[in-house]
């Protein structure tokens, strides 16, 4: 089995005939490894964010239990309670609008960043075509002088 592995490695080394082959293959493998980590990274971030949200929900739930008896004994006027509820609804509505606005902003932000990366990629392709033509001309002129 060891001879098969060595034979395979020898064949692989024979196929790689240039520095560009080596660098391209290794770079592609690194990029694929990074891409394979993306789902795990996002899932872990999502899990962490969910835990933060649950922690805050539990915090307010615990406060509710602790404060309910205290505030119930105060016998707050129902009119005041109604006003507090209206104020709370206004704050909640503003929070919802802010969340929606931030979500839309982030969606557009990511679209813009993706577009910028694609534009840069197109630019690089154009520059590489020009570079390849320059190298070709250089090779052509260098072989004519010999």
Protein backbone atom coordinates (compact mmCIF):
# COMPACT_ATOMS: atom_id res chain seq x y z
CA UNK A 1 0.00 0.00 0.00
CA UNK A 2 2.83 2.41 0.80
CA UNK A 3 4.26 1.88 -2.67
CA UNK A 4 0.86 2.79 -4.19
CA UNK A 5 0.75 6.03 -2.21
CA UNK A 6 4.31 6.87 -3.20
CA UNK A 7 3.60 6.03 -6.83
CA UNK A 8 0.52 8.26 -6.76
CA UNK A 9 2.55 11.10 -5.26
CA UNK A 10 5.27 10.65 -7.88
CA UNK A 11 2.69 10.79 -10.69
CA UNK A 12 1.13 13.87 -9.09
CA UNK A 13 4.52 15.60 -8.93
CA UNK A 14 5.17 14.80 -12.58
CA UNK A 15 1.86 16.42 -13.60
CA UNK A 16 2.75 19.68 -11.85
CA UNK A 17 5.09 21.12 -14.41
CA UNK A 18 5.26 24.72 -13.29
CA UNK A 19 5.24 27.06 -10.35
CA UNK A 20 1.83 28.30 -11.50
CA UNK A 21 0.42 24.76 -11.33
CA UNK A 22 1.69 24.33 -7.78
CA UNK A 23 0.41 27.69 -6.56
CA UNK A 24 -2.96 27.39 -8.30
CA UNK A 25 -3.65 23.91 -6.96
CA UNK A 26 -2.63 24.73 -3.39
CA UNK A 27 -4.50 28.04 -3.40
CA UNK A 28 -7.64 26.33 -4.67
CA UNK A 29 -7.40 23.69 -1.95
CA UNK A 30 -7.05 26.37 0.77
CA UNK A 31 -10.06 28.26 -0.61
CA UNK A 32 -12.15 25.06 -0.72
CA UNK A 33 -11.17 24.35 2.90
CA UNK A 34 -12.27 27.86 3.91
CA UNK A 35 -15.54 27.44 2.01
CA UNK A 36 -16.21 24.16 3.80
CA UNK A 37 -16.01 25.99 7.15
CA UNK A 38 -18.60 28.65 6.26
CA UNK A 39 -21.75 26.67 7.21
CA UNK A 40 -20.29 25.74 10.59
CA UNK A 41 -19.17 29.30 11.25
CA UNK A 42 -22.60 30.73 10.47
CA UNK A 43 -24.37 28.04 12.47
CA UNK A 44 -22.16 28.73 15.48
CA UNK A 45 -22.78 32.47 15.19
CA UNK A 46 -26.52 31.82 14.91
CA UNK A 47 -26.44 29.57 17.98
CA UNK A 48 -24.53 32.20 19.97
CA UNK A 49 -26.93 34.98 18.94
CA UNK A 50 -29.93 32.79 19.84
CA UNK A 51 -28.45 32.15 23.29
CA UNK A 52 -28.00 35.89 23.85
CA UNK A 53 -31.63 36.49 22.92
CA UNK A 54 -32.85 33.69 25.22
CA UNK A 55 -30.69 35.03 28.04
CA UNK A 56 -32.31 38.47 27.76
CA UNK A 57 -35.77 36.90 27.58
CA UNK A 58 -35.01 34.88 30.72
CA UNK A 59 -33.64 37.98 32.43
CA UNK A 60 -36.88 39.87 31.87
CA UNK A 61 -38.86 36.79 32.88
CA UNK A 62 -36.96 36.60 36.16
CA UNK A 63 -37.47 40.32 36.75
CA UNK A 64 -41.18 39.84 36.07
CA UNK A 65 -41.47 37.18 38.78
CA UNK A 66 -39.50 39.28 41.27
CA UNK A 67 -41.28 42.56 40.59
CA UNK A 68 -44.86 41.33 40.07
CA UNK A 69 -45.66 40.98 43.76
CA UNK A 70 -44.11 44.37 44.51
CA UNK A 71 -46.01 46.25 41.81
CA UNK A 72 -49.26 44.36 42.40
CA UNK A 73 -49.24 45.61 46.01
CA UNK A 74 -48.96 49.22 44.80
CA UNK A 75 -52.46 49.12 43.30
CA UNK A 76 -51.54 51.30 40.32
CA UNK A 77 -54.46 53.17 38.79
CA UNK A 78 -55.78 51.39 35.64
CA UNK A 79 -55.58 54.66 33.68
CA UNK A 80 -51.87 54.89 34.45
CA UNK A 81 -51.45 51.22 33.51
CA UNK A 82 -53.20 51.91 30.21
CA UNK A 83 -50.84 54.81 29.48
CA UNK A 84 -47.81 52.69 30.37
CA UNK A 85 -49.10 50.00 27.98
CA UNK A 86 -49.52 52.55 25.18
CA UNK A 87 -46.00 53.85 25.78
CA UNK A 88 -44.66 50.32 25.81
CA UNK A 89 -46.47 49.54 22.53
CA UNK A 90 -44.93 52.65 20.95
CA UNK A 91 -41.46 51.61 22.07
CA UNK A 92 -42.07 48.07 20.80
CA UNK A 93 -43.27 49.40 17.45
CA UNK A 94 -40.13 51.56 17.17
CA UNK A 95 -37.96 48.54 17.99
CA UNK A 96 -39.70 46.47 15.30
CA UNK A 97 -39.24 49.24 12.74
CA UNK A 98 -35.58 49.58 13.70
CA UNK A 99 -35.04 45.82 13.40
CA UNK A 100 -36.72 45.77 9.97
CA UNK A 101 -34.77 48.81 8.80
CA UNK A 102 -31.45 47.34 9.99
CA UNK A 103 -32.25 44.02 8.33
CA UNK A 104 -32.99 45.77 5.03
CA UNK A 105 -29.82 47.83 5.41
CA UNK A 106 -27.70 44.74 6.02
CA UNK A 107 -29.29 42.94 3.06
CA UNK A 108 -28.44 45.87 0.78
CA UNK A 109 -24.98 46.18 2.32
CA UNK A 110 -24.21 42.54 1.52
CA UNK A 111 -25.60 42.90 -2.01
CA UNK A 112 -23.33 45.91 -2.52
CA UNK A 113 -20.28 44.06 -1.15
CA UNK A 114 -20.98 41.05 -3.39
CA UNK A 115 -21.34 43.38 -6.37
CA UNK A 116 -18.01 45.03 -5.49
CA UNK A 117 -16.28 41.65 -5.28
CA UNK A 118 -17.77 40.63 -8.65
CA UNK A 119 -16.65 43.93 -10.20
CA UNK A 120 -13.16 43.44 -8.83
CA UNK A 121 -13.16 39.88 -10.16
CA UNK A 122 -14.10 41.17 -13.63
CA UNK A 123 -11.36 43.78 -13.39
CA UNK A 124 -8.81 41.13 -12.41
CA UNK A 125 -9.82 38.98 -15.39
CA UNK A 126 -9.32 41.92 -17.76
CA UNK A 127 -5.96 42.72 -16.17
CA UNK A 128 -4.88 39.07 -16.34
CA UNK A 129 -5.77 38.93 -20.05
CA UNK A 130 -3.59 41.98 -20.60
CA UNK A 131 -0.83 40.45 -18.49
CA UNK A 132 -1.02 37.19 -20.45
CA UNK A 133 -0.76 39.09 -23.73
CA UNK A 134 2.26 40.99 -22.39
CA UNK A 135 3.95 37.75 -21.33
CA UNK A 136 3.17 36.21 -24.70
CA UNK A 137 4.69 39.18 -26.51
CA UNK A 138 7.71 39.08 -24.21
CA UNK A 139 8.18 35.38 -24.95
CA UNK A 140 7.75 36.03 -28.67
CA UNK A 141 10.35 38.82 -28.74
CA UNK A 142 12.77 36.96 -26.49
CA UNK A 143 12.72 33.90 -28.77
CA UNK A 144 13.24 36.07 -31.89
CA UNK A 145 16.42 37.63 -30.46
CA UNK A 146 18.08 34.22 -29.93
